[in-house]
Amino acid sequence: MALNESEYITLAHGAGGKISRELMDKVILPEFGNPILNELHDGARLELSGRLAFTTDSYTVQPLFFSGGNIGKLAVCGTVNDLAMTGAVPRYLSAGIIIEEGFPIKDLRTIAHTMREMAEAAGVAIVTGDTKVVGRGKADGIFINTAGIGELIEGVSISPKEVRPGMKVLLSGYLGDHAATVLAGRHGLQLPDYIKTDCAPLAQLTQALLKAAPHTAVLRDPTRGGLAAVLNEIAEASGVGVIIEEERLPVRPEVQGVCDILGFDVLELANEGKCVAFVPEEEAPAALKAMQQSPYGKAACIIGETTGQAAGQVALRTAIGGLRVVDMPLGNLVPRIC
């Protein structure tokens, strides 16, 4: 019996019998199928060598679909990017999907298809996973957990402890696009069509950057807590000060407008397709060029530098030349953002 696109998930889809297998055969495997996953074993047998990076994350974004993406795109790109920020080449992902009874099968199919597209774009395979179904009102539609394994690039040492005074701080593009897009969808705000989530797989960008600037000290994707959280975490861990320049920060006027309407600081907004890099001054021009040659780094720029003063603190040099402290955000300004 073929699944009807007008049908919905039932508790039987998670019971482990014929209907569960139908969901696997008609929705999951057509999108995720590959020689490793198709064995349908309890786990994946992988071929890897050298030092490895491993990460896991869970995704509960609301709304599930937004301009330029959906929860499936977030799940794959977020995990790929976490691996990339360690200095690894992502290889394999797992996917655990918790679905609420009554969830439309057509929406599940769309999410799975997006996950496949993003995995192909990132050069990774989804090799194992699980689905569970819970009762109505227990999962707000769908939650996704992903884990990822990657192979660390030889000779690269990515750690805040590698940060020194005099390094340049690079950012791969515009701030706040993802959070503004999700907020617009959540609150019914109108944004131009070109303002979409920045969610993207960044592994190829980081690999090119590390080839151009092999002494890069640290990479980070400014997701929850935004740029402010990332810079404060790195400054505290490394014991250096960080100064960023307000006039160099790339922010779209429309995104700044959302911040003004809702009372947010763009430095604290989540991004899902951006990279922050701390690079030695002599390697910064090559690193910036490598970023800008990536389709996801065309708007990359140098936004600041590290200093031996004010250890562990972050400051913003304003357009009129003053300095203001950029604190660690007190909490999550925008819940359910990823």
C-alpha atoms as a PDB file:
ATOM      1  CA  MET A   1       0.000   0.000   0.000  1.00  0.00           C
ATOM      2  CA  ALA A   2       1.470   3.377  -1.033  1.00  0.00           C
ATOM      3  CA  LEU A   3       1.454   6.303   1.343  1.00  0.00           C
ATOM      4  CA  ASN A   4      -1.043   8.978   0.350  1.00  0.00           C
ATOM      5  CA  GLU A   5       0.333  12.525   0.343  1.00  0.00           C
ATOM      6  CA  SER A   6      -2.845  13.656   2.147  1.00  0.00           C
ATOM      7  CA  GLU A   7      -2.252  11.240   5.013  1.00  0.00           C
ATOM      8  CA  TYR A   8      -0.867  12.040   8.433  1.00  0.00           C
ATOM      9  CA  ILE A   9       1.504  10.330  10.837  1.00  0.00           C
ATOM     10  CA  THR A  10      -0.217   7.966  13.251  1.00  0.00           C
ATOM     11  CA  LEU A  11       1.083   6.231  16.348  1.00  0.00           C
ATOM     12  CA  ALA A  12       1.198   3.054  14.255  1.00  0.00           C
ATOM     13  CA  HIS A  13       3.980   4.594  12.170  1.00  0.00           C
ATOM     14  CA  GLY A  14       6.191   4.393  15.226  1.00  0.00           C
ATOM     15  CA  ALA A  15       5.160   0.937  16.431  1.00  0.00           C
ATOM     16  CA  GLY A  16       7.801  -1.043  14.554  1.00  0.00           C
ATOM     17  CA  GLY A  17       5.487  -3.124  12.341  1.00  0.00           C
ATOM     18  CA  LYS A  18       4.402  -3.068   8.710  1.00  0.00           C
ATOM     19  CA  ILE A  19       3.247   0.537   8.814  1.00  0.00           C
ATOM     20  CA  SER A  20       6.582   1.625  10.290  1.00  0.00           C
ATOM     21  CA  ARG A  21       8.406  -0.220   7.539  1.00  0.00           C
ATOM     22  CA  GLU A  22       6.166   1.436   4.948  1.00  0.00           C
ATOM     23  CA  LEU A  23       7.204   4.849   6.276  1.00  0.00           C
ATOM     24  CA  MET A  24      10.844   3.801   5.983  1.00  0.00           C
ATOM     25  CA  ASP A  25      10.453   2.373   2.487  1.00  0.00           C
ATOM     26  CA  LYS A  26       8.287   5.155   1.039  1.00  0.00           C
ATOM     27  CA  VAL A  27       9.665   8.295   2.720  1.00  0.00           C
ATOM     28  CA  ILE A  28      13.012   7.803   4.463  1.00  0.00           C
ATOM     29  CA  LEU A  29      15.005   5.449   2.248  1.00  0.00           C
ATOM     30  CA  PRO A  30      14.110   7.152  -1.061  1.00  0.00           C
ATOM     31  CA  GLU A  31      15.756  10.303   0.306  1.00  0.00           C
ATOM     32  CA  PHE A  32      18.536   9.035   2.584  1.00  0.00           C
ATOM     33  CA  GLY A  33      19.342   5.698   0.926  1.00  0.00           C
ATOM     34  CA  ASN A  34      23.013   4.802   0.398  1.00  0.00           C
ATOM     35  CA  PRO A  35      24.991   1.532   0.589  1.00  0.00           C
ATOM     36  CA  ILE A  36      25.722   1.966   4.305  1.00  0.00           C
ATOM     37  CA  LEU A  37      22.221   2.944   5.409  1.00  0.00           C
ATOM     38  CA  ASN A  38      20.532   0.440   3.119  1.00  0.00           C
ATOM     39  CA  GLU A  39      21.902  -2.437   5.195  1.00  0.00           C
ATOM     40  CA  LEU A  40      19.330  -1.343   7.823  1.00  0.00           C
ATOM     41  CA  HIS A  41      21.566  -2.565  10.625  1.00  0.00           C
ATOM     42  CA  ASP A  42      21.311  -1.252  14.173  1.00  0.00           C
ATOM     43  CA  GLY A  43      24.381   0.871  13.474  1.00  0.00           C
ATOM     44  CA  ALA A  44      26.614   1.982  10.613  1.00  0.00           C
ATOM     45  CA  ARG A  45      29.970   0.395   9.807  1.00  0.00           C
ATOM     46  CA  LEU A  46      32.295   3.177   8.675  1.00  0.00           C
ATOM     47  CA  GLU A  47      35.722   3.504   7.114  1.00  0.00           C
ATOM     48  CA  LEU A  48      37.722   6.280   8.781  1.00  0.00           C
ATOM     49  CA  SER A  49      41.347   6.983   9.575  1.00  0.00           C
ATOM     50  CA  GLY A  50      43.393   9.381  11.691  1.00  0.00           C
ATOM     51  CA  ARG A  51      42.018  11.811  14.267  1.00  0.00           C
ATOM     52  CA  LEU A  52      38.258  12.285  14.335  1.00  0.00           C
ATOM     53  CA  ALA A  53      35.790  14.982  15.353  1.00  0.00           C
ATOM     54  CA  PHE A  54      32.351  14.073  16.706  1.00  0.00           C
ATOM     55  CA  THR A  55      29.350  16.290  17.445  1.00  0.00           C
ATOM     56  CA  THR A  56      25.629  16.085  18.156  1.00  0.00           C
ATOM     57  CA  ASP A  57      22.781  18.599  18.215  1.00  0.00           C
ATOM     58  CA  SER A  58      18.987  18.789  18.399  1.00  0.00           C
ATOM     59  CA  TYR A  59      16.637  21.029  16.434  1.00  0.00           C
ATOM     60  CA  THR A  60      13.258  22.354  17.610  1.00  0.00           C
ATOM     61  CA  VAL A  61      12.798  25.494  15.481  1.00  0.00           C
ATOM     62  CA  GLN A  62       9.419  27.202  15.283  1.00  0.00           C
ATOM     63  CA  PRO A  63       8.056  27.696  12.653  1.00  0.00           C
ATOM     64  CA  LEU A  64       9.247  24.491  10.990  1.00  0.00           C
ATOM     65  CA  PHE A  65       9.248  26.099   7.526  1.00  0.00           C
ATOM     66  CA  PHE A  66      10.603  29.604   6.881  1.00  0.00           C
ATOM     67  CA  SER A  67      11.943  31.629   3.966  1.00  0.00           C
ATOM     68  CA  GLY A  68      14.852  29.731   2.430  1.00  0.00           C
ATOM     69  CA  GLY A  69      14.703  26.640   4.585  1.00  0.00           C
ATOM     70  CA  ASN A  70      13.127  24.322   7.123  1.00  0.00           C
ATOM     71  CA  ILE A  71      14.068  22.272  10.158  1.00  0.00           C
ATOM     72  CA  GLY A  72      15.699  19.616   7.962  1.00  0.00           C
ATOM     73  CA  LYS A  73      18.076  22.122   6.396  1.00  0.00           C
ATOM     74  CA  LEU A  74      19.018  23.372   9.855  1.00  0.00           C
ATOM     75  CA  ALA A  75      19.653  19.856  11.138  1.00  0.00           C
ATOM     76  CA  VAL A  76      22.115  18.877   8.412  1.00  0.00           C
ATOM     77  CA  CYS A  77      23.867  22.227   8.011  1.00  0.00           C
ATOM     78  CA  GLY A  78      24.124  22.826  11.738  1.00  0.00           C
ATOM     79  CA  THR A  79      25.853  19.529  12.369  1.00  0.00           C
ATOM     80  CA  VAL A  80      28.097  19.811   9.311  1.00  0.00           C
ATOM     81  CA  ASN A  81      29.120  23.290  10.450  1.00  0.00           C
ATOM     82  CA  ASP A  82      29.884  22.175  13.993  1.00  0.00           C
ATOM     83  CA  LEU A  83      32.305  19.622  12.547  1.00  0.00           C
ATOM     84  CA  ALA A  84      33.801  22.165  10.158  1.00  0.00           C
ATOM     85  CA  MET A  85      34.512  24.593  13.016  1.00  0.00           C
ATOM     86  CA  THR A  86      36.724  21.992  14.687  1.00  0.00           C
ATOM     87  CA  GLY A  87      38.928  21.881  11.597  1.00  0.00           C
ATOM     88  CA  ALA A  88      37.427  18.628  10.323  1.00  0.00           C
ATOM     89  CA  VAL A  89      36.167  17.387   6.984  1.00  0.00           C
ATOM     90  CA  PRO A  90      32.602  16.146   7.683  1.00  0.00           C
ATOM     91  CA  ARG A  91      31.949  12.563   6.533  1.00  0.00           C
ATOM     92  CA  TYR A  92      28.912  10.914   8.139  1.00  0.00           C
ATOM     93  CA  LEU A  93      25.697  11.936   9.899  1.00  0.00           C
ATOM     94  CA  SER A  94      23.005  10.188  11.891  1.00  0.00           C
ATOM     95  CA  ALA A  95      19.412  11.411  12.083  1.00  0.00           C
ATOM     96  CA  GLY A  96      16.955  10.772  14.903  1.00  0.00           C
ATOM     97  CA  ILE A  97      13.465  12.085  14.138  1.00  0.00           C
ATOM     98  CA  ILE A  98      10.674  12.461  16.705  1.00  0.00           C
ATOM     99  CA  ILE A  99       7.328  13.044  14.974  1.00  0.00           C
ATOM    100  CA  GLU A 100       4.029  14.077  16.510  1.00  0.00           C
ATOM    101  CA  GLU A 101       0.912  12.102  15.724  1.00  0.00           C
ATOM    102  CA  GLY A 102      -1.035  13.983  13.039  1.00  0.00           C
ATOM    103  CA  PHE A 103       2.015  15.447  11.313  1.00  0.00           C
ATOM    104  CA  PRO A 104       1.422  15.664   7.533  1.00  0.00           C
ATOM    105  CA  ILE A 105       3.345  13.035   5.571  1.00  0.00           C
ATOM    106  CA  LYS A 106       3.868  15.512   2.729  1.00  0.00           C
ATOM    107  CA  ASP A 107       5.690  17.834   5.140  1.00  0.00           C
ATOM    108  CA  LEU A 108       7.829  14.967   6.409  1.00  0.00           C
ATOM    109  CA  ARG A 109       8.702  14.107   2.825  1.00  0.00           C
ATOM    110  CA  THR A 110       9.679  17.738   2.126  1.00  0.00           C
ATOM    111  CA  ILE A 111      11.902  17.859   5.213  1.00  0.00           C
ATOM    112  CA  ALA A 112      13.577  14.558   4.328  1.00  0.00           C
ATOM    113  CA  HIS A 113      14.161  15.731   0.763  1.00  0.00           C
ATOM    114  CA  THR A 114      15.782  18.935   2.016  1.00  0.00           C
ATOM    115  CA  MET A 115      18.029  16.927   4.336  1.00  0.00           C
ATOM    116  CA  ARG A 116      19.171  14.823   1.384  1.00  0.00           C
ATOM    117  CA  GLU A 117      19.894  17.916  -0.721  1.00  0.00           C
ATOM    118  CA  MET A 118      21.934  19.499   2.065  1.00  0.00           C
ATOM    119  CA  ALA A 119      23.845  16.286   2.755  1.00  0.00           C
ATOM    120  CA  GLU A 120      24.759  16.039  -0.936  1.00  0.00           C
ATOM    121  CA  ALA A 121      25.841  19.693  -0.995  1.00  0.00           C
ATOM    122  CA  ALA A 122      28.031  19.128   2.070  1.00  0.00           C
ATOM    123  CA  GLY A 123      29.521  15.878   0.779  1.00  0.00           C
ATOM    124  CA  VAL A 124      28.282  13.789   3.700  1.00  0.00           C
ATOM    125  CA  ALA A 125      26.163  10.646   3.964  1.00  0.00           C
ATOM    126  CA  ILE A 126      23.336  10.024   6.426  1.00  0.00           C
ATOM    127  CA  VAL A 127      24.250   6.479   7.439  1.00  0.00           C
ATOM    128  CA  THR A 128      22.069   5.623  10.430  1.00  0.00           C
ATOM    129  CA  GLY A 129      19.060   6.933  12.284  1.00  0.00           C
ATOM    130  CA  ASP A 130      15.777   6.324  14.022  1.00  0.00           C
ATOM    131  CA  THR A 131      12.178   7.546  13.967  1.00  0.00           C
ATOM    132  CA  LYS A 132       9.792   7.727  16.895  1.00  0.00           C
ATOM    133  CA  VAL A 133       6.157   8.844  16.994  1.00  0.00           C
ATOM    134  CA  VAL A 134       4.614  10.496  20.063  1.00  0.00           C
ATOM    135  CA  GLY A 135       1.026  11.483  20.820  1.00  0.00           C
ATOM    136  CA  ARG A 136      -0.661  14.706  19.796  1.00  0.00           C
ATOM    137  CA  GLY A 137       0.634  17.741  21.641  1.00  0.00           C
ATOM    138  CA  LYS A 138       3.842  16.011  22.731  1.00  0.00           C
ATOM    139  CA  ALA A 139       6.356  17.231  20.115  1.00  0.00           C
ATOM    140  CA  ASP A 140       5.050  20.400  18.416  1.00  0.00           C
ATOM    141  CA  GLY A 141       5.231  18.756  14.993  1.00  0.00           C
ATOM    142  CA  ILE A 142       8.711  17.327  14.631  1.00  0.00           C
ATOM    143  CA  PHE A 143      12.060  17.387  16.445  1.00  0.00           C
ATOM    144  CA  ILE A 144      15.320  16.245  14.845  1.00  0.00           C
ATOM    145  CA  ASN A 145      18.550  15.107  16.486  1.00  0.00           C
ATOM    146  CA  THR A 146      21.648  14.723  14.356  1.00  0.00           C
ATOM    147  CA  ALA A 147      25.159  13.554  15.151  1.00  0.00           C
ATOM    148  CA  GLY A 148      28.179  13.824  12.899  1.00  0.00           C
ATOM    149  CA  ILE A 149      31.669  12.393  12.446  1.00  0.00           C
ATOM    150  CA  GLY A 150      34.489  14.064  10.533  1.00  0.00           C
ATOM    151  CA  GLU A 151      38.198  13.587   9.897  1.00  0.00           C
ATOM    152  CA  LEU A 152      40.428  16.304  11.354  1.00  0.00           C
ATOM    153  CA  ILE A 153      42.678  18.066   8.849  1.00  0.00           C
ATOM    154  CA  GLU A 154      46.317  17.196   9.410  1.00  0.00           C
ATOM    155  CA  GLY A 155      48.443  19.994  10.876  1.00  0.00           C
ATOM    156  CA  VAL A 156      45.505  22.175  11.918  1.00  0.00           C
ATOM    157  CA  SER A 157      45.054  23.076  15.599  1.00  0.00           C
ATOM    158  CA  ILE A 158      41.751  24.809  16.260  1.00  0.00           C
ATOM    159  CA  SER A 159      41.375  25.983  19.862  1.00  0.00           C
ATOM    160  CA  PRO A 160      40.723  29.283  21.679  1.00  0.00           C
ATOM    161  CA  LYS A 161      43.983  28.619  23.503  1.00  0.00           C
ATOM    162  CA  GLU A 162      45.770  29.317  20.196  1.00  0.00           C
ATOM    163  CA  VAL A 163      44.471  32.892  20.070  1.00  0.00           C
ATOM    164  CA  ARG A 164      47.117  35.603  20.604  1.00  0.00           C
ATOM    165  CA  PRO A 165      47.066  39.432  20.676  1.00  0.00           C
ATOM    166  CA  GLY A 166      47.394  41.007  17.237  1.00  0.00           C
ATOM    167  CA  MET A 167      45.204  38.512  15.363  1.00  0.00           C
ATOM    168  CA  LYS A 168      42.503  39.612  12.936  1.00  0.00           C
ATOM    169  CA  VAL A 169      38.852  38.665  13.413  1.00  0.00           C
ATOM    170  CA  LEU A 170      37.089  37.679  10.174  1.00  0.00           C
ATOM    171  CA  LEU A 171      33.362  37.222   9.584  1.00  0.00           C
ATOM    172  CA  SER A 172      32.040  35.411   6.508  1.00  0.00           C
ATOM    173  CA  GLY A 173      28.995  37.616   5.842  1.00  0.00           C
ATOM    174  CA  TYR A 174      25.868  39.450   6.979  1.00  0.00           C
ATOM    175  CA  LEU A 175      24.714  39.168  10.584  1.00  0.00           C
ATOM    176  CA  GLY A 176      21.255  38.180  11.775  1.00  0.00           C
ATOM    177  CA  ASP A 177      19.629  36.981   8.540  1.00  0.00           C
ATOM    178  CA  HIS A 178      18.499  33.653  10.007  1.00  0.00           C
ATOM    179  CA  ALA A 179      17.011  35.057  13.198  1.00  0.00           C
ATOM    180  CA  ALA A 180      15.282  37.883  11.329  1.00  0.00           C
ATOM    181  CA  THR A 181      13.777  35.408   8.855  1.00  0.00           C
ATOM    182  CA  VAL A 182      12.457  33.103  11.573  1.00  0.00           C
ATOM    183  CA  LEU A 183      11.122  36.053  13.590  1.00  0.00           C
ATOM    184  CA  ALA A 184       9.374  37.419  10.508  1.00  0.00           C
ATOM    185  CA  GLY A 185       7.687  34.067   9.938  1.00  0.00           C
ATOM    186  CA  ARG A 186       6.748  33.782  13.590  1.00  0.00           C
ATOM    187  CA  HIS A 187       5.324  37.290  13.986  1.00  0.00           C
ATOM    188  CA  GLY A 188       3.897  37.893  10.509  1.00  0.00           C
ATOM    189  CA  LEU A 189       6.435  40.559   9.542  1.00  0.00           C
ATOM    190  CA  GLN A 190       7.051  41.305   5.869  1.00  0.00           C
ATOM    191  CA  LEU A 191      10.632  41.156   4.589  1.00  0.00           C
ATOM    192  CA  PRO A 192      11.918  41.446   1.001  1.00  0.00           C
ATOM    193  CA  ASP A 193      12.211  38.152  -0.852  1.00  0.00           C
ATOM    194  CA  TYR A 194      16.007  38.320  -0.818  1.00  0.00           C
ATOM    195  CA  ILE A 195      16.080  38.205   3.004  1.00  0.00           C
ATOM    196  CA  LYS A 196      16.205  34.486   3.768  1.00  0.00           C
ATOM    197  CA  THR A 197      17.796  32.217   6.301  1.00  0.00           C
ATOM    198  CA  ASP A 198      21.567  32.136   5.869  1.00  0.00           C
ATOM    199  CA  CYS A 199      21.569  28.420   6.700  1.00  0.00           C
ATOM    200  CA  ALA A 200      24.291  26.772   4.602  1.00  0.00           C
ATOM    201  CA  PRO A 201      26.945  24.023   4.810  1.00  0.00           C
ATOM    202  CA  LEU A 202      30.290  25.734   5.453  1.00  0.00           C
ATOM    203  CA  ALA A 203      32.771  22.846   5.303  1.00  0.00           C
ATOM    204  CA  GLN A 204      34.157  23.768   1.872  1.00  0.00           C
ATOM    205  CA  LEU A 205      34.581  27.389   2.982  1.00  0.00           C
ATOM    206  CA  THR A 206      36.463  26.413   6.152  1.00  0.00           C
ATOM    207  CA  GLN A 207      38.676  23.950   4.276  1.00  0.00           C
ATOM    208  CA  ALA A 208      39.648  26.652   1.773  1.00  0.00           C
ATOM    209  CA  LEU A 209      40.266  29.112   4.598  1.00  0.00           C
ATOM    210  CA  LEU A 210      42.500  26.668   6.492  1.00  0.00           C
ATOM    211  CA  LYS A 211      44.482  25.927   3.349  1.00  0.00           C
ATOM    212  CA  ALA A 212      45.067  29.650   2.825  1.00  0.00           C
ATOM    213  CA  ALA A 213      45.683  30.393   6.515  1.00  0.00           C
ATOM    214  CA  PRO A 214      46.996  27.196   8.153  1.00  0.00           C
ATOM    215  CA  HIS A 215      47.757  28.971  11.439  1.00  0.00           C
ATOM    216  CA  THR A 216      44.134  29.981  11.991  1.00  0.00           C
ATOM    217  CA  ALA A 217      43.617  29.801  15.739  1.00  0.00           C
ATOM    218  CA  VAL A 218      39.892  29.260  16.074  1.00  0.00           C
ATOM    219  CA  LEU A 219      36.721  28.950  13.997  1.00  0.00           C
ATOM    220  CA  ARG A 220      33.207  29.328  15.342  1.00  0.00           C
ATOM    221  CA  ASP A 221      29.704  29.591  13.927  1.00  0.00           C
ATOM    222  CA  PRO A 222      27.742  32.313  15.757  1.00  0.00           C
ATOM    223  CA  THR A 223      24.429  30.514  16.266  1.00  0.00           C
ATOM    224  CA  ARG A 224      22.464  30.954  19.512  1.00  0.00           C
ATOM    225  CA  GLY A 225      23.737  34.061  21.293  1.00  0.00           C
ATOM    226  CA  GLY A 226      25.102  35.390  18.014  1.00  0.00           C
ATOM    227  CA  LEU A 227      28.418  37.147  17.491  1.00  0.00           C
ATOM    228  CA  ALA A 228      28.364  38.590  21.008  1.00  0.00           C
ATOM    229  CA  ALA A 229      28.310  35.151  22.653  1.00  0.00           C
ATOM    230  CA  VAL A 230      31.012  33.686  20.384  1.00  0.00           C
ATOM    231  CA  LEU A 231      33.437  36.571  20.865  1.00  0.00           C
ATOM    232  CA  ASN A 232      32.959  36.566  24.639  1.00  0.00           C
ATOM    233  CA  GLU A 233      33.499  32.815  24.841  1.00  0.00           C
ATOM    234  CA  ILE A 234      36.731  33.043  22.835  1.00  0.00           C
ATOM    235  CA  ALA A 235      38.011  36.101  24.723  1.00  0.00           C
ATOM    236  CA  GLU A 236      37.429  34.428  28.086  1.00  0.00           C
ATOM    237  CA  ALA A 237      38.969  31.107  27.046  1.00  0.00           C
ATOM    238  CA  SER A 238      42.018  32.691  25.436  1.00  0.00           C
ATOM    239  CA  GLY A 239      42.648  35.501  27.920  1.00  0.00           C
ATOM    240  CA  VAL A 240      42.872  38.202  25.254  1.00  0.00           C
ATOM    241  CA  GLY A 241      40.771  41.263  24.539  1.00  0.00           C
ATOM    242  CA  VAL A 242      38.730  41.629  21.345  1.00  0.00           C
ATOM    243  CA  ILE A 243      37.839  44.909  19.645  1.00  0.00           C
ATOM    244  CA  ILE A 244      35.391  44.968  16.748  1.00  0.00           C
ATOM    245  CA  GLU A 245      34.559  47.929  14.541  1.00  0.00           C
ATOM    246  CA  GLU A 246      30.915  48.989  14.259  1.00  0.00           C
ATOM    247  CA  GLU A 247      31.428  50.475  10.789  1.00  0.00           C
ATOM    248  CA  ARG A 248      32.793  47.158   9.471  1.00  0.00           C
ATOM    249  CA  LEU A 249      29.931  44.961  10.697  1.00  0.00           C
ATOM    250  CA  PRO A 250      27.854  43.706   7.735  1.00  0.00           C
ATOM    251  CA  VAL A 251      24.165  44.119   8.619  1.00  0.00           C
ATOM    252  CA  ARG A 252      21.324  44.467   6.121  1.00  0.00           C
ATOM    253  CA  PRO A 253      19.109  47.503   6.781  1.00  0.00           C
ATOM    254  CA  GLU A 254      16.015  45.288   6.818  1.00  0.00           C
ATOM    255  CA  VAL A 255      17.529  43.052   9.509  1.00  0.00           C
ATOM    256  CA  GLN A 256      18.472  46.097  11.567  1.00  0.00           C
ATOM    257  CA  GLY A 257      14.874  47.241  11.123  1.00  0.00           C
ATOM    258  CA  VAL A 258      13.567  43.972  12.618  1.00  0.00           C
ATOM    259  CA  CYS A 259      15.923  44.482  15.558  1.00  0.00           C
ATOM    260  CA  ASP A 260      14.669  48.043  16.055  1.00  0.00           C
ATOM    261  CA  ILE A 261      11.011  46.944  15.949  1.00  0.00           C
ATOM    262  CA  LEU A 262      11.449  44.045  18.366  1.00  0.00           C
ATOM    263  CA  GLY A 263      14.136  45.560  20.579  1.00  0.00           C
ATOM    264  CA  PHE A 264      16.988  43.157  19.756  1.00  0.00           C
ATOM    265  CA  ASP A 265      20.728  43.706  19.392  1.00  0.00           C
ATOM    266  CA  VAL A 266      21.919  42.342  16.039  1.00  0.00           C
ATOM    267  CA  LEU A 267      25.151  41.173  17.722  1.00  0.00           C
ATOM    268  CA  GLU A 268      23.050  38.714  19.732  1.00  0.00           C
ATOM    269  CA  LEU A 269      20.958  37.322  16.867  1.00  0.00           C
ATOM    270  CA  ALA A 270      21.516  33.739  15.716  1.00  0.00           C
ATOM    271  CA  ASN A 271      23.153  32.918  12.388  1.00  0.00           C
ATOM    272  CA  GLU A 272      23.156  29.467  10.767  1.00  0.00           C
ATOM    273  CA  GLY A 273      25.525  29.951   7.839  1.00  0.00           C
ATOM    274  CA  LYS A 274      28.267  32.230   9.106  1.00  0.00           C
ATOM    275  CA  CYS A 275      31.828  31.632  10.277  1.00  0.00           C
ATOM    276  CA  VAL A 276      34.011  33.678  12.618  1.00  0.00           C
ATOM    277  CA  ALA A 277      37.760  33.119  12.254  1.00  0.00           C
ATOM    278  CA  PHE A 278      40.718  34.348  14.339  1.00  0.00           C
ATOM    279  CA  VAL A 279      43.689  34.493  11.976  1.00  0.00           C
ATOM    280  CA  PRO A 280      47.295  35.737  12.319  1.00  0.00           C
ATOM    281  CA  GLU A 281      47.650  39.209  10.805  1.00  0.00           C
ATOM    282  CA  GLU A 282      50.053  38.034   8.094  1.00  0.00           C
ATOM    283  CA  GLU A 283      47.629  35.321   6.919  1.00  0.00           C
ATOM    284  CA  ALA A 284      44.481  37.466   7.121  1.00  0.00           C
ATOM    285  CA  PRO A 285      44.503  38.745   3.491  1.00  0.00           C
ATOM    286  CA  ALA A 286      44.771  35.192   2.114  1.00  0.00           C
ATOM    287  CA  ALA A 287      42.102  33.956   4.523  1.00  0.00           C
ATOM    288  CA  LEU A 288      39.740  36.769   3.534  1.00  0.00           C
ATOM    289  CA  LYS A 289      40.250  36.052  -0.172  1.00  0.00           C
ATOM    290  CA  ALA A 290      39.514  32.341   0.403  1.00  0.00           C
ATOM    291  CA  MET A 291      36.289  33.220   2.227  1.00  0.00           C
ATOM    292  CA  GLN A 292      35.163  35.635  -0.464  1.00  0.00           C
ATOM    293  CA  GLN A 293      35.696  33.054  -3.210  1.00  0.00           C
ATOM    294  CA  SER A 294      33.155  30.744  -1.532  1.00  0.00           C
ATOM    295  CA  PRO A 295      29.485  31.177  -2.504  1.00  0.00           C
ATOM    296  CA  TYR A 296      28.755  31.447   1.230  1.00  0.00           C
ATOM    297  CA  GLY A 297      31.438  34.041   1.970  1.00  0.00           C
ATOM    298  CA  LYS A 298      31.097  36.698  -0.729  1.00  0.00           C
ATOM    299  CA  ALA A 299      30.407  39.392   1.884  1.00  0.00           C
ATOM    300  CA  ALA A 300      33.260  38.300   4.172  1.00  0.00           C
ATOM    301  CA  CYS A 301      35.208  41.058   5.911  1.00  0.00           C
ATOM    302  CA  ILE A 302      37.671  41.789   8.697  1.00  0.00           C
ATOM    303  CA  ILE A 303      35.650  43.137  11.620  1.00  0.00           C
ATOM    304  CA  GLY A 304      38.270  43.566  14.330  1.00  0.00           C
ATOM    305  CA  GLU A 305      41.354  42.296  16.097  1.00  0.00           C
ATOM    306  CA  THR A 306      42.626  40.869  19.345  1.00  0.00           C
ATOM    307  CA  THR A 307      44.579  42.852  21.911  1.00  0.00           C
ATOM    308  CA  GLY A 308      46.657  42.223  25.001  1.00  0.00           C
ATOM    309  CA  GLN A 309      44.587  44.765  26.930  1.00  0.00           C
ATOM    310  CA  ALA A 310      41.296  44.190  28.737  1.00  0.00           C
ATOM    311  CA  ALA A 311      41.900  40.435  28.833  1.00  0.00           C
ATOM    312  CA  GLY A 312      38.737  38.380  28.447  1.00  0.00           C
ATOM    313  CA  GLN A 313      36.571  41.312  27.372  1.00  0.00           C
ATOM    314  CA  VAL A 314      34.951  42.321  24.076  1.00  0.00           C
ATOM    315  CA  ALA A 315      34.489  45.932  22.995  1.00  0.00           C
ATOM    316  CA  LEU A 316      32.776  47.619  20.052  1.00  0.00           C
ATOM    317  CA  ARG A 317      34.402  50.736  18.595  1.00  0.00           C
ATOM    318  CA  THR A 318      31.455  52.903  17.618  1.00  0.00           C
ATOM    319  CA  ALA A 319      31.139  55.036  14.511  1.00  0.00           C
ATOM    320  CA  ILE A 320      32.120  58.135  16.518  1.00  0.00           C
ATOM    321  CA  GLY A 321      35.242  56.467  17.945  1.00  0.00           C
ATOM    322  CA  GLY A 322      34.061  55.524  21.424  1.00  0.00           C
ATOM    323  CA  LEU A 323      34.235  52.048  22.956  1.00  0.00           C
ATOM    324  CA  ARG A 324      31.361  50.144  24.522  1.00  0.00           C
ATOM    325  CA  VAL A 325      31.585  46.785  26.212  1.00  0.00           C
ATOM    326  CA  VAL A 326      29.864  43.896  24.401  1.00  0.00           C
ATOM    327  CA  ASP A 327      28.623  41.620  27.175  1.00  0.00           C
ATOM    328  CA  MET A 328      27.763  37.951  26.998  1.00  0.00           C
ATOM    329  CA  PRO A 329      23.989  37.750  26.359  1.00  0.00           C
ATOM    330  CA  LEU A 330      22.079  37.016  29.543  1.00  0.00           C
ATOM    331  CA  GLY A 331      19.802  34.462  27.899  1.00  0.00           C
ATOM    332  CA  ASN A 332      18.363  33.244  24.638  1.00  0.00           C
ATOM    333  CA  LEU A 333      16.694  36.317  23.105  1.00  0.00           C
ATOM    334  CA  VAL A 334      14.858  34.254  20.515  1.00  0.00           C
ATOM    335  CA  PRO A 335      13.777  30.807  21.746  1.00  0.00           C
ATOM    336  CA  ARG A 336      13.190  27.944  19.285  1.00  0.00           C
ATOM    337  CA  ILE A 337      15.483  29.571  16.685  1.00  0.00           C
ATOM    338  CA  CYS A 338      17.207  26.350  15.629  1.00  0.00           C
END
